[in-house]
Every structure is written in C-alpha cells, then in structure tokens.
C-alpha cells in the first residue's frame, strides 16, 4: 500500500500512467512514468528526464519523505526494465501492485525574514571540510556553482549535486518564487544522473527531503534541539548525500544579508579560498 507521495510524484499517481523500472536499490526502486496516453499530454514539469517521463522513487518503510518519493508499507519486488502501469488508484508491475495514491507530502521553508534571523552557530554545525566544499565556497553565482561542483562525485546523487541542491533550496526560500525559473535552468544544465536531476529540479521549486525542511525551520527559530535532531537525520541519508545537502544549505545561509562578516571567517576555517562573498 502507498502511505504518501511527495509533491513531484503525487500528481502522477492520481492519473493513468505507463512506464518502466529504471533502477533498483536496497531501499528504493526508481520508475520513469509518463501520462501521455490517448493523445493526452501531461505537464512536463520538474522531474522529467530528457522529455521521456517523470522519475519517481518507490521507497521502503522508514525512508524520509521527499518530493519524488512514494513511501510504501512494503517495497515491492521490482526488476529493472519491467513495465509499470497505473490507473489513478493502483500502480502495478508484472508481479506486484500498490494501492494508493495515499496522502500528499510537501515541505515548507521559512521566509526570508526568518532565515535572516537564524542562529549561525547552529548553521555552522552543518559545514563539512573538504575540497568539494572549498570549490563551492568560491562560487559567486548559481551558474558558477553548478560549473564548479555539478555532477562531481560517485553515486546515485553525486556529492557535488547534493551541495548544489542545498544551496538552491535556500536560494529559493530566500528569493521567493521570482528566482525559480533561473534556478531551474541552472539545475537542468547539470550533466548528472536521472535521480539527481530530479532532486535538483525540485530543489529549485523549494522542495527537498523532510529533514532538510525541518533543519531550516529549526535554525531559523534558534531551536538547538530540533536542529540537532534534523541534522542527524540528514547525516543518516545515503553514504554522505545528506551531509553534503546540509553543508550546501549552510553555505548559502551564511551568506544571507547581515551575516557577511561572520561567513567570511567561517568559510576560511571550513574551506580555503575567497569564500562566498557574493549572493549565490
């Protein structure tokens, strides 16, 4: 049974779809789904890959909610390449079926004023040392950042993309809907994996995994206990995906107006280079 689906997947589960399983992992199976049936064309929004359908992830119990996640009571026995169909209330492969579509999940972010009043001591706790973060800290625009770290690193979502997604999520929250088109274009230009492209696209729309949203709210409120819990949940995601996502959010938060003198000294400690001295 489907428990809930992120904003990027929920709409697909409520209409007829057809597609295939494109990858299978221990806690997730990625599907590429399309709603083009009987001449009806679906909106090709964030999460679509090369015009060939939207990517969604069936995920096991205990996996954090996310924009393309479809959380299930039991992860079905998917096989790469098998066909998948859905009729709006049931999603099925040859040997499994899920009843749904379940509740819709989406993340909220603090507004610009709340982010400006954040607790920087809590933010600094999310920074991680390393060459990748140093390269990110030297970027002075979203385009520079994508060129510096986009697609860098191994894995389903490369570490460079995780850092970029964190920066983009905060940029979207601080800048409001007016920056969305620019951020979406920057993310779409990154040469990376399908799952990473989908998560970047949704970051540009202000959506990420649940602990990222919880952490942003906690640091904006100065809630140390909640920030610590959310950061621990982020660090538990993947080998280091959540760690780099958190670091990207921290980098961008520390460059928001009113915090520049503090971020220059912190960046110098965390990563050599001139630092994020301009608005990313």
Protein backbone atom coordinates (compact mmCIF):
# COMPACT_ATOMS: atom_id res chain seq x y z
CA UNK A 1 0.00 0.00 0.00
CA UNK A 2 1.12 3.59 -0.68
CA UNK A 3 1.46 5.63 2.51
CA UNK A 4 2.20 9.03 0.96
CA UNK A 5 3.81 10.62 -2.07
CA UNK A 6 5.85 13.78 -2.46
CA UNK A 7 4.62 16.70 -4.48
CA UNK A 8 6.58 15.57 -7.53
CA UNK A 9 5.02 12.12 -7.57
CA UNK A 10 1.52 12.63 -6.18
CA UNK A 11 0.00 14.04 -9.36
CA UNK A 12 1.21 11.07 -11.41
CA UNK A 13 -0.37 8.57 -9.03
CA UNK A 14 -3.78 10.19 -9.50
CA UNK A 15 -3.99 9.69 -13.27
CA UNK A 16 -3.34 6.91 -15.82
CA UNK A 17 0.38 6.33 -16.31
CA UNK A 18 2.71 3.92 -18.04
CA UNK A 19 6.43 3.45 -17.69
CA UNK A 20 9.29 1.22 -16.61
CA UNK A 21 11.56 0.45 -13.67
CA UNK A 22 14.91 2.08 -14.40
CA UNK A 23 16.93 1.13 -11.30
CA UNK A 24 16.56 -0.94 -8.15
CA UNK A 25 18.35 -0.40 -4.83
CA UNK A 26 18.16 -1.74 -1.30
CA UNK A 27 15.61 0.81 -0.11
CA UNK A 28 14.26 2.25 -3.35
CA UNK A 29 13.18 1.46 -6.88
CA UNK A 30 13.14 4.26 -9.46
CA UNK A 31 10.40 4.36 -12.08
CA UNK A 32 10.12 6.53 -15.15
CA UNK A 33 6.46 7.27 -15.71
CA UNK A 34 4.61 9.13 -18.44
CA UNK A 35 0.98 10.25 -18.66
CA UNK A 36 0.86 10.58 -22.46
CA UNK A 37 -2.00 8.27 -23.34
CA UNK A 38 -4.72 8.58 -25.96
CA UNK A 39 -3.26 11.87 -27.17
CA UNK A 40 -3.37 13.48 -23.74
CA UNK A 41 -0.14 15.28 -22.88
CA UNK A 42 0.84 15.85 -19.29
CA UNK A 43 2.63 18.88 -17.97
CA UNK A 44 6.38 18.36 -18.35
CA UNK A 45 7.47 19.89 -15.11
CA UNK A 46 10.36 19.29 -12.79
CA UNK A 47 11.49 15.70 -12.51
CA UNK A 48 11.10 14.91 -16.20
CA UNK A 49 14.16 13.45 -17.84
CA UNK A 50 15.06 14.32 -21.42
CA UNK A 51 11.39 14.52 -22.37
CA UNK A 52 10.92 10.84 -21.57
CA UNK A 53 8.76 10.84 -18.48
CA UNK A 54 8.96 11.78 -14.83
CA UNK A 55 11.15 9.96 -12.33
CA UNK A 56 9.58 8.75 -9.09
CA UNK A 57 11.04 6.53 -6.39
CA UNK A 58 9.17 3.80 -4.58
CA UNK A 59 10.81 3.72 -1.17
CA UNK A 60 10.81 1.34 1.77
CA UNK A 61 9.29 1.99 5.20
CA UNK A 62 11.44 4.34 7.26
CA UNK A 63 12.79 6.31 4.29
CA UNK A 64 12.33 10.04 4.73
CA UNK A 65 9.61 11.78 2.69
CA UNK A 66 10.84 13.65 -0.36
CA UNK A 67 9.46 15.35 -3.48
CA UNK A 68 9.72 12.30 -5.76
CA UNK A 69 9.34 9.64 -3.05
CA UNK A 70 6.38 7.27 -2.95
CA UNK A 71 6.55 5.71 0.51
CA UNK A 72 5.17 2.18 0.70
CA UNK A 73 4.29 -0.11 3.58
CA UNK A 74 6.46 -2.71 1.81
CA UNK A 75 8.88 -2.08 -1.03
CA UNK A 76 7.63 -4.15 -4.00
CA UNK A 77 9.91 -6.70 -5.74
CA UNK A 78 10.69 -4.53 -8.78
CA UNK A 79 13.02 -5.63 -11.57
CA UNK A 80 14.93 -3.30 -13.86
CA UNK A 81 13.21 -2.89 -17.22
CA UNK A 82 9.82 -4.25 -16.23
CA UNK A 83 6.72 -2.37 -17.35
CA UNK A 84 4.66 -0.39 -14.84
CA UNK A 85 1.11 0.90 -15.24
CA UNK A 86 -1.23 2.93 -13.08
CA UNK A 87 -4.92 3.83 -13.26
CA UNK A 88 -5.13 6.53 -10.60
CA UNK A 89 -5.82 4.21 -7.69
CA UNK A 90 -3.43 1.32 -8.33
CA UNK A 91 0.20 1.19 -9.50
CA UNK A 92 1.41 -2.23 -10.68
CA UNK A 93 4.20 -4.22 -12.24
CA UNK A 94 4.04 -7.82 -13.52
CA UNK A 95 4.44 -9.35 -10.02
CA UNK A 96 3.29 -6.61 -7.65
CA UNK A 97 0.65 -3.96 -7.08
CA UNK A 98 0.33 -0.96 -4.79
CA UNK A 99 -2.92 0.60 -3.72
CA UNK A 100 -2.95 4.36 -3.40
CA UNK A 101 -2.45 7.11 -4.18
CA UNK A 102 -2.00 7.95 -0.48
CA UNK A 103 -1.56 11.34 1.16
CA UNK A 104 0.38 14.16 -0.49
CA UNK A 105 3.57 15.29 1.25
CA UNK A 106 5.36 18.57 0.63
CA UNK A 107 7.95 20.57 2.52
CA UNK A 108 7.69 24.16 3.71
CA UNK A 109 10.56 26.61 4.20
CA UNK A 110 10.97 29.68 6.41
CA UNK A 111 10.54 33.05 4.73
CA UNK A 112 13.40 35.50 4.06
CA UNK A 113 12.91 37.38 7.34
CA UNK A 114 13.02 34.19 9.39
CA UNK A 115 16.13 32.99 7.56
CA UNK A 116 17.83 36.33 8.21
CA UNK A 117 17.22 35.86 11.96
CA UNK A 118 18.77 32.38 12.01
CA UNK A 119 21.20 31.08 14.62
CA UNK A 120 24.55 30.97 12.81
CA UNK A 121 26.12 28.75 15.47
CA UNK A 122 23.59 26.07 14.56
CA UNK A 123 24.20 26.65 10.86
CA UNK A 124 27.97 26.21 11.20
CA UNK A 125 27.44 22.76 12.71
CA UNK A 126 26.36 21.55 9.25
CA UNK A 127 29.56 22.58 7.45
CA UNK A 128 31.93 19.77 6.47
CA UNK A 129 35.59 20.15 5.47
CA UNK A 130 36.86 19.08 2.09
CA UNK A 131 37.93 20.14 -1.38
CA UNK A 132 34.39 19.93 -2.75
CA UNK A 133 33.03 22.41 -0.23
CA UNK A 134 36.04 24.67 -0.87
CA UNK A 135 35.16 24.74 -4.57
CA UNK A 136 31.53 25.51 -3.73
CA UNK A 137 32.57 28.31 -1.36
CA UNK A 138 34.48 30.06 -4.15
CA UNK A 139 31.42 30.27 -6.42
CA UNK A 140 29.78 33.68 -6.81
CA UNK A 141 26.62 32.74 -8.74
CA UNK A 142 24.36 29.71 -9.26
CA UNK A 143 25.92 29.23 -12.68
CA UNK A 144 29.45 29.27 -11.25
CA UNK A 145 28.41 26.86 -8.52
CA UNK A 146 26.88 24.38 -10.97
CA UNK A 147 30.01 24.54 -13.12
CA UNK A 148 32.28 24.04 -10.10
CA UNK A 149 30.54 21.11 -8.38
CA UNK A 150 27.63 19.90 -10.54
CA UNK A 151 27.84 16.17 -11.26
CA UNK A 152 31.02 15.74 -9.21
CA UNK A 153 31.38 12.58 -7.20
CA UNK A 154 30.14 8.99 -7.45
CA UNK A 155 26.77 7.58 -6.54
CA UNK A 156 23.10 7.95 -7.33
CA UNK A 157 23.22 11.62 -6.35
CA UNK A 158 26.82 12.87 -6.65
CA UNK A 159 28.13 14.87 -3.70
CA UNK A 160 28.54 17.99 -5.81
CA UNK A 161 24.87 17.86 -6.74
CA UNK A 162 23.90 17.44 -3.09
CA UNK A 163 25.81 20.61 -2.19
CA UNK A 164 24.21 22.41 -5.15
CA UNK A 165 20.74 21.22 -4.12
CA UNK A 166 21.26 22.61 -0.61
CA UNK A 167 22.36 26.00 -1.91
CA UNK A 168 19.50 26.10 -4.41
CA UNK A 169 16.89 25.17 -1.78
CA UNK A 170 17.95 28.08 0.45
CA UNK A 171 18.23 30.44 -2.52
CA UNK A 172 14.66 29.59 -3.49
CA UNK A 173 13.44 30.12 0.07
CA UNK A 174 15.27 33.44 0.44
CA UNK A 175 14.41 34.75 -3.02
CA UNK A 176 10.83 33.55 -3.33
CA UNK A 177 9.07 32.33 -6.50
CA UNK A 178 10.78 35.02 -8.61
CA UNK A 179 14.07 33.10 -8.67
CA UNK A 180 12.57 29.73 -9.57
CA UNK A 181 12.97 29.90 -13.36
CA UNK A 182 16.62 30.89 -13.11
CA UNK A 183 17.41 28.18 -10.59
CA UNK A 184 15.53 25.57 -12.62
CA UNK A 185 17.57 26.46 -15.70
CA UNK A 186 20.84 26.20 -13.75
CA UNK A 187 19.89 22.78 -12.36
CA UNK A 188 18.66 21.48 -15.72
CA UNK A 189 22.03 22.24 -17.31
CA UNK A 190 23.96 19.97 -14.91
CA UNK A 191 25.13 16.75 -16.53
CA UNK A 192 24.33 14.13 -13.91
CA UNK A 193 22.24 11.08 -13.07
CA UNK A 194 18.48 10.89 -13.54
CA UNK A 195 17.66 10.77 -9.81
CA UNK A 196 20.00 13.66 -9.08
CA UNK A 197 18.50 15.74 -11.88
CA UNK A 198 15.03 15.17 -10.46
CA UNK A 199 16.04 16.18 -6.92
CA UNK A 200 17.85 19.28 -8.23
CA UNK A 201 14.78 20.28 -10.23
CA UNK A 202 12.59 20.05 -7.16
CA UNK A 203 15.11 21.94 -5.02
CA UNK A 204 14.69 24.83 -7.47
CA UNK A 205 10.97 24.68 -6.68
CA UNK A 206 11.60 24.75 -2.94
CA UNK A 207 11.17 21.03 -2.26
CA UNK A 208 13.68 18.60 -0.73
CA UNK A 209 13.74 15.72 1.74
CA UNK A 210 11.84 16.20 5.01
CA UNK A 211 14.81 16.67 7.38
CA UNK A 212 16.17 19.47 5.18
CA UNK A 213 12.96 21.44 5.71
CA UNK A 214 12.91 20.59 9.41
CA UNK A 215 16.51 21.77 9.80
CA UNK A 216 15.82 25.09 8.06
CA UNK A 217 12.86 25.77 10.33
CA UNK A 218 14.89 24.82 13.42
CA UNK A 219 17.90 27.04 12.67
CA UNK A 220 15.59 29.93 11.71
CA UNK A 221 13.86 29.57 15.09
CA UNK A 222 17.10 29.04 17.01
CA UNK A 223 15.81 25.68 18.26
CA UNK A 224 19.05 23.83 19.07
CA UNK A 225 17.42 20.50 19.99
CA UNK A 226 15.30 20.38 16.83
CA UNK A 227 18.24 21.45 14.65
CA UNK A 228 20.43 18.72 16.13
CA UNK A 229 17.76 16.07 15.52
CA UNK A 230 17.16 17.20 11.94
CA UNK A 231 20.90 17.33 11.18
CA UNK A 232 21.32 13.78 12.49
CA UNK A 233 18.52 12.64 10.17
CA UNK A 234 20.22 14.39 7.26
CA UNK A 235 23.55 12.77 8.04
CA UNK A 236 21.85 9.37 8.02
CA UNK A 237 20.80 9.78 4.37
CA UNK A 238 22.89 7.72 1.98
CA UNK A 239 26.64 7.39 2.31
CA UNK A 240 27.10 11.16 2.53
CA UNK A 241 24.26 12.68 0.49
CA UNK A 242 22.51 14.23 3.46
CA UNK A 243 25.78 15.52 4.86
CA UNK A 244 26.57 17.39 1.66
CA UNK A 245 22.98 18.62 1.29
CA UNK A 246 23.19 20.11 4.78
CA UNK A 247 26.57 21.68 4.02
CA UNK A 248 25.16 23.32 0.90
CA UNK A 249 22.27 24.79 2.88
CA UNK A 250 24.69 26.07 5.50
CA UNK A 251 26.96 27.70 2.92
CA UNK A 252 24.09 29.66 1.42
CA UNK A 253 22.55 30.59 4.77
CA UNK A 254 25.82 32.05 5.98
CA UNK A 255 25.92 34.47 3.03
CA UNK A 256 22.46 35.95 3.56
CA UNK A 257 22.27 39.71 4.26
CA UNK A 258 23.52 40.84 7.63
CA UNK A 259 25.80 37.83 8.14
CA UNK A 260 28.69 38.57 5.76
CA UNK A 261 31.47 39.32 8.29
CA UNK A 262 30.75 36.05 10.09
CA UNK A 263 30.61 33.91 6.96
CA UNK A 264 33.95 35.11 5.58
CA UNK A 265 35.82 33.99 8.70
CA UNK A 266 33.85 30.74 8.91
CA UNK A 267 34.43 29.89 5.26
CA UNK A 268 38.14 30.49 5.73
CA UNK A 269 38.15 27.91 8.51
CA UNK A 270 35.97 25.37 6.70
CA UNK A 271 37.42 25.61 3.21
CA UNK A 272 40.39 27.57 1.79
CA UNK A 273 39.66 30.22 -0.80
CA UNK A 274 37.97 33.63 -1.01
CA UNK A 275 34.60 32.26 0.09
CA UNK A 276 31.04 33.02 -0.96
CA UNK A 277 31.39 36.76 -0.77
CA UNK A 278 28.52 37.48 -3.13
CA UNK A 279 24.95 36.34 -3.35
CA UNK A 280 24.82 32.85 -4.89
